[in-house]
Each structure stands twice: as structure tokens, then as C-alpha cells.
Amino acid sequence: MALKSTVFKAQLQVADLDRPHYATYALTLARHPSETDERMMLRLLAFALNADPQLAFAGDVGAAEEPSLWLRDLTGAIDCWIEVGLPEPKLLRRAAGRSARVLVYAYGRAAQLWWNEHRHALEQIDTLAVWQIAPATSTALAALAERAMQLQCLIQDGDVTLSNAHGSVAVELAICKPAAP
């Protein structure tokens, strides 16, 4: 018998002073049994960093043909493909062929090793941008996970803070590769 996903509800208020974008999103996240709170919260962070009414969580966590999140235009074409984790360069090349932009939010203790190993291949993809999230940040974000969440995300001058009623996390994000202009 297969294990079912756990459903999490999040009320996310985004105040992005850098874009500017201000909105509240009622989100439903399905956490696959193989997914950790850390990865789920990083998907939520990726949503907040790229918040848009058309941005959506993709299907199954393990589906190689779908990203963690994607932004589709009204015709169904993929405008932005967002991966959370340490994806293979082959997947990112395919994603770049299907999407106008590809974003990766790498995290975990192996993130720097992953970047060092795949840097040359990834720097060849013009539409790709890669950020690395500090291990302390991803651990702190996991502590914010609750089945029903009320979260606020403030983005100002490149600084990001995600908070709830119990505390806040200053997000440490380092750019590894910006997208080509």
C-alpha cells in the first residue's frame, strides 16, 4: 500500500519591495512521504521569491519531467522553470529548451560540492540562474513548518526574511550564477 502525501496549508503574505510585488497567497502544498519539511519549506521560499498569480507547484516530487514550481503563460507555455535541490545538468538543459528562464535553489551540505562538480556545464546555459541556500537557513526554515501556516515574506534590497507568529528566519542566499542579460 502506497503512502499518501501530507497536505499543508499556507497563507503567505509577500511584500517584495525590490520588484515591487505585494500579495497574499492561499497555498496548498502536498508533502510527498519521501520529502522532508526542509525541502517543502524551500519550495515555499522559492514561491515567495518568485511570487506571481500564475506561479504553481508542479506535480509529483519525483517526476523528472516537471519542476518543483513553474510559471506558465496564458497559452500554457512555460515562462519560468524552478528547481529546488541539486538537479542534474541534463535536466536543466532540457528545461532551458522548454522554458524562457530556469532557476535553481540549491541547498544542503552537498550544495557547494554539486556546484563545483557541475559549474562548467551549468555556466553554458544562458537562461539559467543558480542560488545556494545556506544549511543553517534551510534548517531554520524547516522549523517553521506546520500543517496550517501563516507566513510573511519581506524582500528588500536583496535581503529576505520569512516569519510567522513564533519567529523569523533571515534567509542566506548566495548567487552562484546569474542568468545572462
N, C-alpha and C. Protein backbone atom coordinates (compact mmCIF):
# COMPACT_ATOMS: atom_id res chain seq x y z
N MET A 1 0.84 -1.18 0.00
CA MET A 1 0.00 0.00 0.00
C MET A 1 0.89 1.24 0.00
N ALA A 2 0.63 2.15 -0.93
CA ALA A 2 1.44 3.35 -1.06
C ALA A 2 1.06 4.38 0.00
N LEU A 3 2.06 5.07 0.50
CA LEU A 3 1.82 6.13 1.46
C LEU A 3 1.30 7.36 0.73
N LYS A 4 0.43 8.10 1.37
CA LYS A 4 -0.15 9.29 0.76
C LYS A 4 0.61 10.53 1.20
N SER A 5 0.52 11.55 0.37
CA SER A 5 1.13 12.83 0.70
C SER A 5 0.41 13.48 1.87
N THR A 6 1.15 14.28 2.62
CA THR A 6 0.58 15.05 3.72
C THR A 6 0.28 16.45 3.20
N VAL A 7 -0.91 16.93 3.45
CA VAL A 7 -1.31 18.23 2.94
C VAL A 7 -1.01 19.32 3.97
N PHE A 8 -0.36 20.38 3.50
CA PHE A 8 -0.06 21.55 4.32
C PHE A 8 -0.75 22.74 3.67
N LYS A 9 -1.31 23.61 4.49
CA LYS A 9 -1.95 24.84 4.01
C LYS A 9 -1.11 26.01 4.49
N ALA A 10 -0.88 26.95 3.59
CA ALA A 10 -0.09 28.13 3.95
C ALA A 10 -0.79 29.39 3.45
N GLN A 11 -0.92 30.34 4.34
CA GLN A 11 -1.36 31.69 3.99
C GLN A 11 -0.07 32.50 3.94
N LEU A 12 0.36 32.89 2.75
CA LEU A 12 1.65 33.55 2.56
C LEU A 12 1.44 34.99 2.10
N GLN A 13 1.92 35.91 2.93
CA GLN A 13 1.89 37.33 2.56
C GLN A 13 3.27 37.71 2.05
N VAL A 14 3.32 38.21 0.83
CA VAL A 14 4.60 38.58 0.21
C VAL A 14 4.64 40.09 0.05
N ALA A 15 5.70 40.69 0.59
CA ALA A 15 5.97 42.12 0.39
C ALA A 15 7.36 42.19 -0.23
N ASP A 16 7.40 42.24 -1.55
CA ASP A 16 8.66 42.29 -2.30
C ASP A 16 8.87 43.72 -2.75
N LEU A 17 9.65 44.46 -1.98
CA LEU A 17 9.90 45.85 -2.28
C LEU A 17 10.86 46.02 -3.45
N ASP A 18 11.60 44.99 -3.80
CA ASP A 18 12.55 45.07 -4.90
C ASP A 18 11.88 45.01 -6.26
N ARG A 19 10.73 44.33 -6.38
CA ARG A 19 10.10 44.18 -7.72
C ARG A 19 9.18 45.30 -8.13
N PRO A 20 8.34 45.92 -7.55
CA PRO A 20 7.58 45.72 -6.31
C PRO A 20 6.40 44.78 -6.56
N HIS A 21 6.14 43.92 -5.57
CA HIS A 21 5.05 42.95 -5.66
C HIS A 21 4.53 42.72 -4.24
N TYR A 22 3.23 42.95 -4.06
CA TYR A 22 2.59 42.80 -2.75
C TYR A 22 1.33 41.97 -2.95
N ALA A 23 1.26 40.81 -2.30
CA ALA A 23 0.09 39.96 -2.47
C ALA A 23 0.02 38.94 -1.34
N THR A 24 -1.16 38.37 -1.18
CA THR A 24 -1.37 37.28 -0.23
C THR A 24 -1.81 36.07 -1.03
N TYR A 25 -1.19 34.93 -0.74
CA TYR A 25 -1.47 33.69 -1.46
C TYR A 25 -1.96 32.63 -0.48
N ALA A 26 -3.04 31.96 -0.84
CA ALA A 26 -3.54 30.80 -0.10
C ALA A 26 -3.00 29.58 -0.84
N LEU A 27 -2.03 28.90 -0.24
CA LEU A 27 -1.33 27.81 -0.91
C LEU A 27 -1.63 26.47 -0.26
N THR A 28 -1.68 25.45 -1.08
CA THR A 28 -1.79 24.07 -0.61
C THR A 28 -0.56 23.34 -1.10
N LEU A 29 0.20 22.78 -0.17
CA LEU A 29 1.40 22.03 -0.51
C LEU A 29 1.17 20.58 -0.14
N ALA A 30 1.45 19.69 -1.06
CA ALA A 30 1.39 18.26 -0.77
C ALA A 30 2.82 17.79 -0.53
N ARG A 31 3.11 17.38 0.70
CA ARG A 31 4.45 16.88 1.02
C ARG A 31 4.46 15.38 0.81
N HIS A 32 5.19 14.96 -0.21
CA HIS A 32 5.33 13.54 -0.53
C HIS A 32 5.98 12.84 0.66
N PRO A 33 5.68 11.56 0.91
CA PRO A 33 6.29 10.85 2.05
C PRO A 33 7.83 10.86 2.03
N SER A 34 8.41 10.94 0.83
CA SER A 34 9.88 10.96 0.74
C SER A 34 10.47 12.36 0.89
N GLU A 35 9.61 13.38 0.97
CA GLU A 35 10.07 14.76 1.07
C GLU A 35 10.18 15.17 2.53
N THR A 36 11.18 15.97 2.84
CA THR A 36 11.37 16.47 4.20
C THR A 36 10.67 17.83 4.36
N ASP A 37 10.48 18.23 5.63
CA ASP A 37 9.96 19.58 5.89
C ASP A 37 10.91 20.62 5.30
N GLU A 38 12.19 20.35 5.36
CA GLU A 38 13.19 21.29 4.84
C GLU A 38 12.95 21.56 3.35
N ARG A 39 12.81 20.52 2.56
CA ARG A 39 12.61 20.70 1.12
C ARG A 39 11.27 21.37 0.83
N MET A 40 10.23 20.98 1.56
CA MET A 40 8.92 21.58 1.36
C MET A 40 8.98 23.09 1.64
N MET A 41 9.65 23.47 2.73
CA MET A 41 9.75 24.89 3.06
C MET A 41 10.61 25.65 2.06
N LEU A 42 11.57 24.98 1.46
CA LEU A 42 12.37 25.62 0.41
C LEU A 42 11.54 25.81 -0.86
N ARG A 43 10.63 24.90 -1.13
CA ARG A 43 9.71 25.11 -2.25
C ARG A 43 8.83 26.33 -1.96
N LEU A 44 8.40 26.46 -0.71
CA LEU A 44 7.60 27.61 -0.32
C LEU A 44 8.41 28.91 -0.43
N LEU A 45 9.67 28.87 -0.02
CA LEU A 45 10.55 30.03 -0.16
C LEU A 45 10.73 30.39 -1.64
N ALA A 46 10.94 29.39 -2.48
CA ALA A 46 11.09 29.64 -3.92
C ALA A 46 9.83 30.30 -4.47
N PHE A 47 8.68 29.88 -3.97
CA PHE A 47 7.43 30.53 -4.38
C PHE A 47 7.45 32.00 -3.97
N ALA A 48 7.80 32.27 -2.72
CA ALA A 48 7.81 33.65 -2.22
C ALA A 48 8.78 34.53 -3.01
N LEU A 49 9.94 33.99 -3.35
CA LEU A 49 10.95 34.77 -4.08
C LEU A 49 10.52 35.09 -5.50
N ASN A 50 9.63 34.29 -6.06
CA ASN A 50 9.18 34.47 -7.45
C ASN A 50 7.67 34.66 -7.53
N ALA A 51 7.06 35.11 -6.45
CA ALA A 51 5.60 35.17 -6.34
C ALA A 51 4.96 35.83 -7.55
N ASP A 52 3.93 35.15 -8.02
CA ASP A 52 3.17 35.59 -9.18
C ASP A 52 1.85 34.83 -9.14
N PRO A 53 0.74 35.46 -9.53
CA PRO A 53 -0.54 34.74 -9.52
C PRO A 53 -0.54 33.48 -10.39
N GLN A 54 0.31 33.42 -11.42
CA GLN A 54 0.36 32.25 -12.31
C GLN A 54 1.36 31.18 -11.86
N LEU A 55 2.18 31.48 -10.84
CA LEU A 55 3.18 30.52 -10.36
C LEU A 55 2.47 29.38 -9.64
N ALA A 56 2.90 28.15 -9.92
CA ALA A 56 2.24 26.98 -9.31
C ALA A 56 3.25 25.91 -8.96
N PHE A 57 2.92 25.15 -7.93
CA PHE A 57 3.71 23.97 -7.59
C PHE A 57 3.39 22.92 -8.64
N ALA A 58 4.43 22.26 -9.12
CA ALA A 58 4.23 21.21 -10.13
C ALA A 58 3.73 19.95 -9.45
N GLY A 59 3.61 18.89 -10.22
CA GLY A 59 3.04 17.64 -9.71
C GLY A 59 3.92 16.91 -8.73
N ASP A 60 4.20 15.67 -9.01
CA ASP A 60 4.91 14.77 -8.12
C ASP A 60 6.34 15.21 -7.89
N VAL A 61 6.81 15.09 -6.65
CA VAL A 61 8.18 15.46 -6.27
C VAL A 61 9.20 14.70 -7.10
N GLY A 62 8.94 13.45 -7.41
CA GLY A 62 9.91 12.63 -8.12
C GLY A 62 9.78 12.66 -9.63
N ALA A 63 8.86 13.44 -10.18
CA ALA A 63 8.66 13.48 -11.63
C ALA A 63 9.78 14.25 -12.31
N ALA A 64 10.53 13.56 -13.16
CA ALA A 64 11.68 14.18 -13.83
C ALA A 64 11.25 15.16 -14.91
N GLU A 65 10.06 15.04 -15.40
CA GLU A 65 9.60 15.91 -16.48
C GLU A 65 8.93 17.19 -15.98
N GLU A 66 8.84 17.34 -14.67
CA GLU A 66 8.23 18.53 -14.10
C GLU A 66 9.17 19.14 -13.07
N PRO A 67 9.15 20.47 -12.96
CA PRO A 67 9.98 21.14 -11.97
C PRO A 67 9.33 21.15 -10.60
N SER A 68 9.99 21.78 -9.64
CA SER A 68 9.39 21.98 -8.32
C SER A 68 8.24 22.98 -8.43
N LEU A 69 8.47 24.05 -9.20
CA LEU A 69 7.45 25.07 -9.46
C LEU A 69 7.60 25.51 -10.91
N TRP A 70 6.54 26.05 -11.45
CA TRP A 70 6.64 26.64 -12.77
C TRP A 70 5.66 27.77 -12.95
N LEU A 71 6.06 28.66 -13.84
CA LEU A 71 5.22 29.80 -14.20
C LEU A 71 4.86 29.63 -15.67
N ARG A 72 3.58 29.47 -15.92
CA ARG A 72 3.10 29.29 -17.29
C ARG A 72 2.35 30.55 -17.72
N ASP A 73 2.46 30.87 -19.01
CA ASP A 73 1.68 32.00 -19.51
C ASP A 73 0.27 31.51 -19.86
N LEU A 74 -0.54 32.39 -20.40
CA LEU A 74 -1.94 32.04 -20.66
C LEU A 74 -2.09 31.01 -21.77
N THR A 75 -1.06 30.82 -22.60
CA THR A 75 -1.12 29.81 -23.66
C THR A 75 -0.67 28.44 -23.15
N GLY A 76 -0.13 28.38 -21.93
CA GLY A 76 0.37 27.13 -21.38
C GLY A 76 1.87 26.96 -21.54
N ALA A 77 2.50 27.88 -22.26
CA ALA A 77 3.96 27.82 -22.43
C ALA A 77 4.63 28.12 -21.09
N ILE A 78 5.77 27.47 -20.84
CA ILE A 78 6.48 27.64 -19.58
C ILE A 78 7.38 28.87 -19.66
N ASP A 79 7.10 29.86 -18.84
CA ASP A 79 7.92 31.07 -18.78
C ASP A 79 9.10 30.88 -17.83
N CYS A 80 8.87 30.19 -16.71
CA CYS A 80 9.93 30.01 -15.71
C CYS A 80 9.84 28.62 -15.10
N TRP A 81 10.96 27.90 -15.12
CA TRP A 81 11.08 26.54 -14.57
C TRP A 81 11.94 26.68 -13.32
N ILE A 82 11.43 26.28 -12.17
CA ILE A 82 12.14 26.44 -10.90
C ILE A 82 12.39 25.08 -10.26
N GLU A 83 13.66 24.80 -9.97
CA GLU A 83 14.07 23.56 -9.31
C GLU A 83 14.58 23.88 -7.91
N VAL A 84 14.23 23.03 -6.95
CA VAL A 84 14.74 23.12 -5.59
C VAL A 84 15.52 21.85 -5.33
N GLY A 85 16.79 22.00 -4.98
CA GLY A 85 17.62 20.82 -4.73
C GLY A 85 18.87 20.84 -5.57
N LEU A 86 19.32 19.66 -5.97
CA LEU A 86 20.57 19.51 -6.71
C LEU A 86 20.29 18.74 -8.01
N PRO A 87 19.65 19.38 -8.98
CA PRO A 87 19.26 18.68 -10.20
C PRO A 87 20.46 18.38 -11.11
N GLU A 88 20.28 17.39 -11.96
CA GLU A 88 21.30 17.03 -12.93
C GLU A 88 21.35 18.08 -14.04
N PRO A 89 22.56 18.40 -14.54
CA PRO A 89 22.68 19.36 -15.64
C PRO A 89 21.86 18.98 -16.87
N LYS A 90 21.74 17.68 -17.14
CA LYS A 90 20.95 17.21 -18.29
C LYS A 90 19.51 17.69 -18.17
N LEU A 91 18.94 17.60 -16.97
CA LEU A 91 17.57 18.06 -16.73
C LEU A 91 17.48 19.57 -16.96
N LEU A 92 18.47 20.31 -16.50
CA LEU A 92 18.45 21.78 -16.64
C LEU A 92 18.61 22.21 -18.09
N ARG A 93 19.39 21.47 -18.87
CA ARG A 93 19.49 21.77 -20.30
C ARG A 93 18.15 21.54 -21.00
N ARG A 94 17.49 20.44 -20.65
CA ARG A 94 16.15 20.16 -21.20
C ARG A 94 15.17 21.26 -20.79
N ALA A 95 15.23 21.65 -19.53
CA ALA A 95 14.33 22.70 -19.03
C ALA A 95 14.57 24.02 -19.76
N ALA A 96 15.83 24.34 -20.04
CA ALA A 96 16.16 25.57 -20.77
C ALA A 96 15.60 25.55 -22.18
N GLY A 97 15.48 24.37 -22.75
CA GLY A 97 14.88 24.24 -24.08
C GLY A 97 13.37 24.40 -24.07
N ARG A 98 12.76 24.20 -22.91
CA ARG A 98 11.30 24.27 -22.78
C ARG A 98 10.81 25.55 -22.14
N SER A 99 11.72 26.33 -21.55
CA SER A 99 11.32 27.48 -20.75
C SER A 99 12.18 28.70 -21.07
N ALA A 100 11.61 29.88 -20.89
CA ALA A 100 12.37 31.12 -21.12
C ALA A 100 13.42 31.35 -20.04
N ARG A 101 13.13 30.92 -18.80
CA ARG A 101 14.07 31.07 -17.68
C ARG A 101 14.08 29.80 -16.85
N VAL A 102 15.25 29.49 -16.28
CA VAL A 102 15.39 28.34 -15.39
C VAL A 102 16.09 28.84 -14.13
N LEU A 103 15.50 28.54 -12.97
CA LEU A 103 16.06 28.95 -11.69
C LEU A 103 16.30 27.72 -10.83
N VAL A 104 17.45 27.69 -10.14
CA VAL A 104 17.76 26.60 -9.23
C VAL A 104 18.07 27.19 -7.86
N TYR A 105 17.44 26.62 -6.84
CA TYR A 105 17.74 26.95 -5.45
C TYR A 105 18.37 25.70 -4.84
N ALA A 106 19.71 25.68 -4.82
CA ALA A 106 20.46 24.53 -4.31
C ALA A 106 20.59 24.66 -2.79
N TYR A 107 20.45 23.54 -2.10
CA TYR A 107 20.56 23.57 -0.64
C TYR A 107 21.15 22.26 -0.15
N GLY A 108 21.51 22.26 1.11
CA GLY A 108 22.04 21.06 1.74
C GLY A 108 23.56 21.12 1.85
N ARG A 109 24.08 20.20 2.61
CA ARG A 109 25.53 20.17 2.83
C ARG A 109 26.31 19.88 1.55
N ALA A 110 25.68 19.22 0.58
CA ALA A 110 26.36 18.88 -0.67
C ALA A 110 26.19 19.94 -1.75
N ALA A 111 25.52 21.04 -1.45
CA ALA A 111 25.24 22.05 -2.48
C ALA A 111 26.51 22.63 -3.08
N GLN A 112 27.48 22.95 -2.25
CA GLN A 112 28.73 23.53 -2.78
C GLN A 112 29.48 22.50 -3.62
N LEU A 113 29.50 21.26 -3.19
CA LEU A 113 30.13 20.18 -3.95
C LEU A 113 29.43 20.00 -5.30
N TRP A 114 28.08 20.02 -5.29
CA TRP A 114 27.29 19.93 -6.52
C TRP A 114 27.66 21.06 -7.47
N TRP A 115 27.73 22.28 -6.94
CA TRP A 115 28.06 23.42 -7.79
C TRP A 115 29.47 23.27 -8.35
N ASN A 116 30.43 22.90 -7.54
CA ASN A 116 31.80 22.74 -8.02
C ASN A 116 31.89 21.67 -9.11
N GLU A 117 31.15 20.59 -8.94
CA GLU A 117 31.19 19.49 -9.91
C GLU A 117 30.53 19.85 -11.24
N HIS A 118 29.44 20.61 -11.20
CA HIS A 118 28.66 20.89 -12.41
C HIS A 118 28.80 22.32 -12.93
N ARG A 119 29.63 23.10 -12.31
CA ARG A 119 29.76 24.52 -12.65
C ARG A 119 30.00 24.77 -14.13
N HIS A 120 30.96 24.08 -14.70
CA HIS A 120 31.31 24.30 -16.11
C HIS A 120 30.10 24.04 -17.02
N ALA A 121 29.42 22.93 -16.80
CA ALA A 121 28.26 22.60 -17.63
C ALA A 121 27.13 23.60 -17.43
N LEU A 122 26.91 24.03 -16.21
CA LEU A 122 25.80 24.94 -15.92
C LEU A 122 26.07 26.37 -16.41
N GLU A 123 27.32 26.78 -16.43
CA GLU A 123 27.63 28.12 -16.91
C GLU A 123 27.36 28.27 -18.41
N GLN A 124 27.20 27.17 -19.12
CA GLN A 124 26.91 27.21 -20.55
C GLN A 124 25.44 27.50 -20.85
N ILE A 125 24.59 27.40 -19.84
CA ILE A 125 23.15 27.62 -20.03
C ILE A 125 22.83 29.08 -19.72
N ASP A 126 22.62 29.88 -20.76
CA ASP A 126 22.45 31.32 -20.60
C ASP A 126 21.23 31.71 -19.76
N THR A 127 20.14 30.99 -19.91
CA THR A 127 18.89 31.37 -19.23
C THR A 127 18.80 30.83 -17.80
N LEU A 128 19.87 30.19 -17.33
CA LEU A 128 19.88 29.58 -16.00
C LEU A 128 20.46 30.53 -14.96
N ALA A 129 19.80 30.60 -13.81
CA ALA A 129 20.33 31.31 -12.64
C ALA A 129 20.35 30.31 -11.48
N VAL A 130 21.43 30.32 -10.70
CA VAL A 130 21.59 29.37 -9.60
C VAL A 130 21.89 30.12 -8.31
N TRP A 131 21.12 29.82 -7.27
CA TRP A 131 21.36 30.35 -5.92
C TRP A 131 21.65 29.18 -4.99
N GLN A 132 22.45 29.47 -3.99
CA GLN A 132 22.74 28.48 -2.96
C GLN A 132 22.20 29.00 -1.64
N ILE A 133 21.47 28.13 -0.94
CA ILE A 133 20.88 28.49 0.34
C ILE A 133 21.70 27.84 1.45
N ALA A 134 22.11 28.64 2.40
CA ALA A 134 22.96 28.15 3.49
C ALA A 134 22.26 27.05 4.29
N PRO A 135 23.01 26.02 4.73
CA PRO A 135 22.41 24.94 5.51
C PRO A 135 21.68 25.43 6.77
N ALA A 136 22.22 26.45 7.43
CA ALA A 136 21.56 26.98 8.63
C ALA A 136 20.20 27.57 8.28
N THR A 137 20.09 28.19 7.10
CA THR A 137 18.82 28.77 6.67
C THR A 137 17.79 27.69 6.41
N SER A 138 18.18 26.65 5.67
CA SER A 138 17.21 25.60 5.34
C SER A 138 16.75 24.86 6.60
N THR A 139 17.64 24.67 7.56
CA THR A 139 17.27 24.03 8.82
C THR A 139 16.29 24.92 9.60
N ALA A 140 16.56 26.21 9.64
CA ALA A 140 15.67 27.15 10.35
C ALA A 140 14.31 27.23 9.67
N LEU A 141 14.28 27.18 8.34
CA LEU A 141 13.01 27.20 7.62
C LEU A 141 12.17 25.96 7.94
N ALA A 142 12.83 24.82 8.04
CA ALA A 142 12.12 23.58 8.37
C ALA A 142 11.41 23.69 9.72
N ALA A 143 11.99 24.45 10.64
CA ALA A 143 11.38 24.63 11.97
C ALA A 143 10.09 25.45 11.89
N LEU A 144 9.87 26.19 10.80
CA LEU A 144 8.64 26.97 10.64
C LEU A 144 7.47 26.13 10.11
N ALA A 145 7.75 24.92 9.67
CA ALA A 145 6.72 24.08 9.04
C ALA A 145 5.64 23.68 10.03
N GLU A 146 4.40 23.90 9.65
CA GLU A 146 3.22 23.48 10.40
C GLU A 146 2.16 23.09 9.39
N ARG A 147 1.21 22.26 9.80
CA ARG A 147 0.15 21.84 8.86
C ARG A 147 -0.67 23.03 8.37
N ALA A 148 -0.87 24.03 9.22
CA ALA A 148 -1.57 25.27 8.85
C ALA A 148 -0.62 26.41 9.19
N MET A 149 -0.16 27.11 8.17
CA MET A 149 0.86 28.14 8.38
C MET A 149 0.35 29.53 7.99
N GLN A 150 0.73 30.51 8.77
CA GLN A 150 0.52 31.92 8.47
C GLN A 150 1.92 32.52 8.36
N LEU A 151 2.37 32.81 7.15
CA LEU A 151 3.74 33.27 6.93
C LEU A 151 3.77 34.63 6.24
N GLN A 152 4.82 35.38 6.57
CA GLN A 152 5.07 36.65 5.91
C GLN A 152 6.48 36.59 5.32
N CYS A 153 6.61 37.09 4.10
CA CYS A 153 7.92 37.15 3.46
C CYS A 153 8.18 38.60 3.07
N LEU A 154 9.28 39.15 3.57
CA LEU A 154 9.69 40.50 3.26
C LEU A 154 10.97 40.43 2.44
N ILE A 155 10.96 41.07 1.28
CA ILE A 155 12.14 41.13 0.42
C ILE A 155 12.44 42.61 0.19
N GLN A 156 13.64 43.01 0.61
CA GLN A 156 14.03 44.41 0.47
C GLN A 156 15.53 44.50 0.29
N ASP A 157 15.96 45.16 -0.78
CA ASP A 157 17.38 45.35 -1.09
C ASP A 157 18.14 44.02 -1.11
N GLY A 158 17.49 42.98 -1.64
CA GLY A 158 18.13 41.67 -1.73
C GLY A 158 18.09 40.86 -0.46
N ASP A 159 17.66 41.45 0.65
CA ASP A 159 17.53 40.71 1.91
C ASP A 159 16.14 40.08 1.99
N VAL A 160 16.10 38.84 2.47
CA VAL A 160 14.84 38.10 2.54
C VAL A 160 14.63 37.61 3.97
N THR A 161 13.43 37.84 4.49
CA THR A 161 13.05 37.35 5.81
C THR A 161 11.72 36.65 5.70
N LEU A 162 11.67 35.42 6.20
CA LEU A 162 10.43 34.66 6.25
C LEU A 162 10.07 34.50 7.72
N SER A 163 8.82 34.85 8.09
CA SER A 163 8.46 34.81 9.50
C SER A 163 7.04 34.30 9.70
N ASN A 164 6.81 33.87 10.95
CA ASN A 164 5.46 33.52 11.40
C ASN A 164 5.29 34.14 12.78
N ALA A 165 4.23 33.78 13.48
CA ALA A 165 3.96 34.36 14.80
C ALA A 165 5.00 33.97 15.84
N HIS A 166 5.74 32.89 15.62
CA HIS A 166 6.69 32.38 16.60
C HIS A 166 8.13 32.83 16.38
N GLY A 167 8.44 33.32 15.19
CA GLY A 167 9.82 33.72 14.93
C GLY A 167 10.04 34.05 13.47
N SER A 168 11.28 34.39 13.15
CA SER A 168 11.61 34.73 11.78
C SER A 168 12.96 34.14 11.39
N VAL A 169 13.14 33.99 10.08
CA VAL A 169 14.38 33.45 9.54
C VAL A 169 14.92 34.44 8.52
N ALA A 170 16.14 34.92 8.76
CA ALA A 170 16.82 35.74 7.77
C ALA A 170 17.45 34.77 6.78
N VAL A 171 17.00 34.81 5.54
CA VAL A 171 17.42 33.86 4.53
C VAL A 171 18.79 34.23 3.98
N GLU A 172 19.73 33.29 4.08
CA GLU A 172 21.05 33.46 3.49
C GLU A 172 21.04 32.83 2.11
N LEU A 173 21.06 33.69 1.10
CA LEU A 173 21.02 33.27 -0.29
C LEU A 173 22.27 33.81 -0.99
N ALA A 174 23.02 32.93 -1.63
CA ALA A 174 24.22 33.36 -2.36
C ALA A 174 24.03 33.04 -3.83
N ILE A 175 24.28 34.01 -4.69
CA ILE A 175 24.15 33.78 -6.13
C ILE A 175 25.41 33.05 -6.61
N CYS A 176 25.21 31.90 -7.24
CA CYS A 176 26.31 31.16 -7.85
C CYS A 176 26.46 31.53 -9.31
N LYS A 177 25.32 31.70 -9.98
CA LYS A 177 25.32 32.04 -11.41
C LYS A 177 24.10 32.89 -11.73
N PRO A 178 24.33 34.12 -12.15
CA PRO A 178 23.18 34.91 -12.61
C PRO A 178 22.84 34.52 -14.05
N ALA A 179 21.60 34.72 -14.43
CA ALA A 179 21.21 34.49 -15.82
C ALA A 179 21.86 35.54 -16.70
N ALA A 180 22.15 35.17 -17.92
CA ALA A 180 22.73 36.14 -18.87
C ALA A 180 21.71 37.24 -19.14
N PRO A 181 22.18 38.47 -19.32
CA PRO A 181 21.24 39.58 -19.55
C PRO A 181 20.50 39.45 -20.87
